[in-house]
Amino acid sequence: MGLFVVSPATHPTDCGRFFRASFSVRRAQGNGSYCRVFRFDKTFALREAARIFAVTQGWLQTWMRHPPVC
């Protein structure tokens, strides 16, 4: 997404019936770089729903001037 690399991920919960979403944002420019990982407590019945949520949150973090606090 522009200058950023956003990597969405899904993880099964301990019971295995639901999924959690997360994403990482990486940016490398010149001598400075950073990586942030966002994990969410919200659970989803479908892996695809968790992935879409993670992609959407990653997009918001990289494109909004003042992103919402996750």
C-alpha atoms as a PDB file:
ATOM      1  CA  MET A   1       0.000   0.000   0.000  1.00  0.00           C
ATOM      2  CA  GLY A   2       2.189   2.845  -1.192  1.00  0.00           C
ATOM      3  CA  LEU A   3       5.298   3.167   0.952  1.00  0.00           C
ATOM      4  CA  PHE A   4       4.070   0.501   3.350  1.00  0.00           C
ATOM      5  CA  VAL A   5       3.974  -3.283   3.300  1.00  0.00           C
ATOM      6  CA  VAL A   6       0.845  -4.554   5.062  1.00  0.00           C
ATOM      7  CA  SER A   7       0.682  -8.245   5.911  1.00  0.00           C
ATOM      8  CA  PRO A   8      -2.692  -9.517   7.171  1.00  0.00           C
ATOM      9  CA  ALA A   9      -2.888 -12.745   9.166  1.00  0.00           C
ATOM     10  CA  THR A  10      -5.496 -14.928  10.851  1.00  0.00           C
ATOM     11  CA  HIS A  11      -5.059 -17.179  13.850  1.00  0.00           C
ATOM     12  CA  PRO A  12      -7.423 -19.844  15.203  1.00  0.00           C
ATOM     13  CA  THR A  13      -8.560 -19.384  18.803  1.00  0.00           C
ATOM     14  CA  ASP A  14      -7.689 -21.946  21.449  1.00  0.00           C
ATOM     15  CA  CYS A  15     -11.003 -23.755  20.946  1.00  0.00           C
ATOM     16  CA  GLY A  16     -10.454 -23.782  17.164  1.00  0.00           C
ATOM     17  CA  ARG A  17     -14.008 -22.657  16.351  1.00  0.00           C
ATOM     18  CA  PHE A  18     -13.212 -18.981  15.736  1.00  0.00           C
ATOM     19  CA  PHE A  19     -10.447 -16.889  14.205  1.00  0.00           C
ATOM     20  CA  ARG A  20      -8.636 -13.741  15.289  1.00  0.00           C
ATOM     21  CA  ALA A  21      -7.235 -11.109  12.977  1.00  0.00           C
ATOM     22  CA  SER A  22      -3.905  -9.300  12.997  1.00  0.00           C
ATOM     23  CA  PHE A  23      -1.702  -7.381  10.603  1.00  0.00           C
ATOM     24  CA  SER A  24       1.776  -5.954  10.467  1.00  0.00           C
ATOM     25  CA  VAL A  25       2.844  -2.704   8.841  1.00  0.00           C
ATOM     26  CA  ARG A  26       6.421  -2.291   7.648  1.00  0.00           C
ATOM     27  CA  ARG A  27       8.046   0.752   6.174  1.00  0.00           C
ATOM     28  CA  ALA A  28      11.651   1.098   5.090  1.00  0.00           C
ATOM     29  CA  GLN A  29      12.896   4.378   3.711  1.00  0.00           C
ATOM     30  CA  GLY A  30      16.500   5.520   3.725  1.00  0.00           C
ATOM     31  CA  ASN A  31      18.171   4.728   7.041  1.00  0.00           C
ATOM     32  CA  GLY A  32      14.906   4.616   8.995  1.00  0.00           C
ATOM     33  CA  SER A  33      12.485   1.736   9.135  1.00  0.00           C
ATOM     34  CA  TYR A  34       9.813   0.436  11.428  1.00  0.00           C
ATOM     35  CA  CYS A  35       7.419  -2.442  11.880  1.00  0.00           C
ATOM     36  CA  ARG A  36       4.232  -2.474  13.939  1.00  0.00           C
ATOM     37  CA  VAL A  37       1.999  -5.435  14.685  1.00  0.00           C
ATOM     38  CA  PHE A  38      -1.703  -4.993  15.475  1.00  0.00           C
ATOM     39  CA  ARG A  39      -3.679  -7.833  17.071  1.00  0.00           C
ATOM     40  CA  PHE A  40      -7.420  -7.757  17.685  1.00  0.00           C
ATOM     41  CA  ASP A  41      -9.522  -9.430  20.381  1.00  0.00           C
ATOM     42  CA  LYS A  42     -12.563  -9.645  18.111  1.00  0.00           C
ATOM     43  CA  THR A  43     -13.344 -13.193  16.935  1.00  0.00           C
ATOM     44  CA  PHE A  44     -14.778 -14.283  13.594  1.00  0.00           C
ATOM     45  CA  ALA A  45     -16.636 -17.430  12.571  1.00  0.00           C
ATOM     46  CA  LEU A  46     -14.858 -17.539   9.198  1.00  0.00           C
ATOM     47  CA  ARG A  47     -11.158 -17.203   8.420  1.00  0.00           C
ATOM     48  CA  GLU A  48     -11.977 -15.056   5.373  1.00  0.00           C
ATOM     49  CA  ALA A  49     -13.951 -12.590   7.530  1.00  0.00           C
ATOM     50  CA  ALA A  50     -10.954 -12.227   9.868  1.00  0.00           C
ATOM     51  CA  ARG A  51      -8.656 -11.670   6.880  1.00  0.00           C
ATOM     52  CA  ILE A  52     -10.913  -8.989   5.381  1.00  0.00           C
ATOM     53  CA  PHE A  53     -11.059  -7.234   8.748  1.00  0.00           C
ATOM     54  CA  ALA A  54      -7.242  -7.286   8.998  1.00  0.00           C
ATOM     55  CA  VAL A  55      -6.824  -5.946   5.448  1.00  0.00           C
ATOM     56  CA  THR A  56      -9.317  -3.147   6.106  1.00  0.00           C
ATOM     57  CA  GLN A  57      -7.648  -2.135   9.364  1.00  0.00           C
ATOM     58  CA  GLY A  58      -4.245  -2.171   7.652  1.00  0.00           C
ATOM     59  CA  TRP A  59      -5.563   0.073   4.900  1.00  0.00           C
ATOM     60  CA  LEU A  60      -6.978   2.515   7.462  1.00  0.00           C
ATOM     61  CA  GLN A  61      -3.655   2.665   9.326  1.00  0.00           C
ATOM     62  CA  THR A  62      -1.625   3.429   6.201  1.00  0.00           C
ATOM     63  CA  TRP A  63      -3.924   5.808   4.311  1.00  0.00           C
ATOM     64  CA  MET A  64      -5.760   7.929   6.884  1.00  0.00           C
ATOM     65  CA  ARG A  65      -4.084  11.071   8.177  1.00  0.00           C
ATOM     66  CA  HIS A  66      -5.367  10.372  11.700  1.00  0.00           C
ATOM     67  CA  PRO A  67      -6.193   6.640  11.815  1.00  0.00           C
ATOM     68  CA  PRO A  68      -8.589   5.366  14.474  1.00  0.00           C
ATOM     69  CA  VAL A  69      -7.033   3.848  17.549  1.00  0.00           C
ATOM     70  CA  CYS A  70      -7.159   0.068  17.242  1.00  0.00           C
END
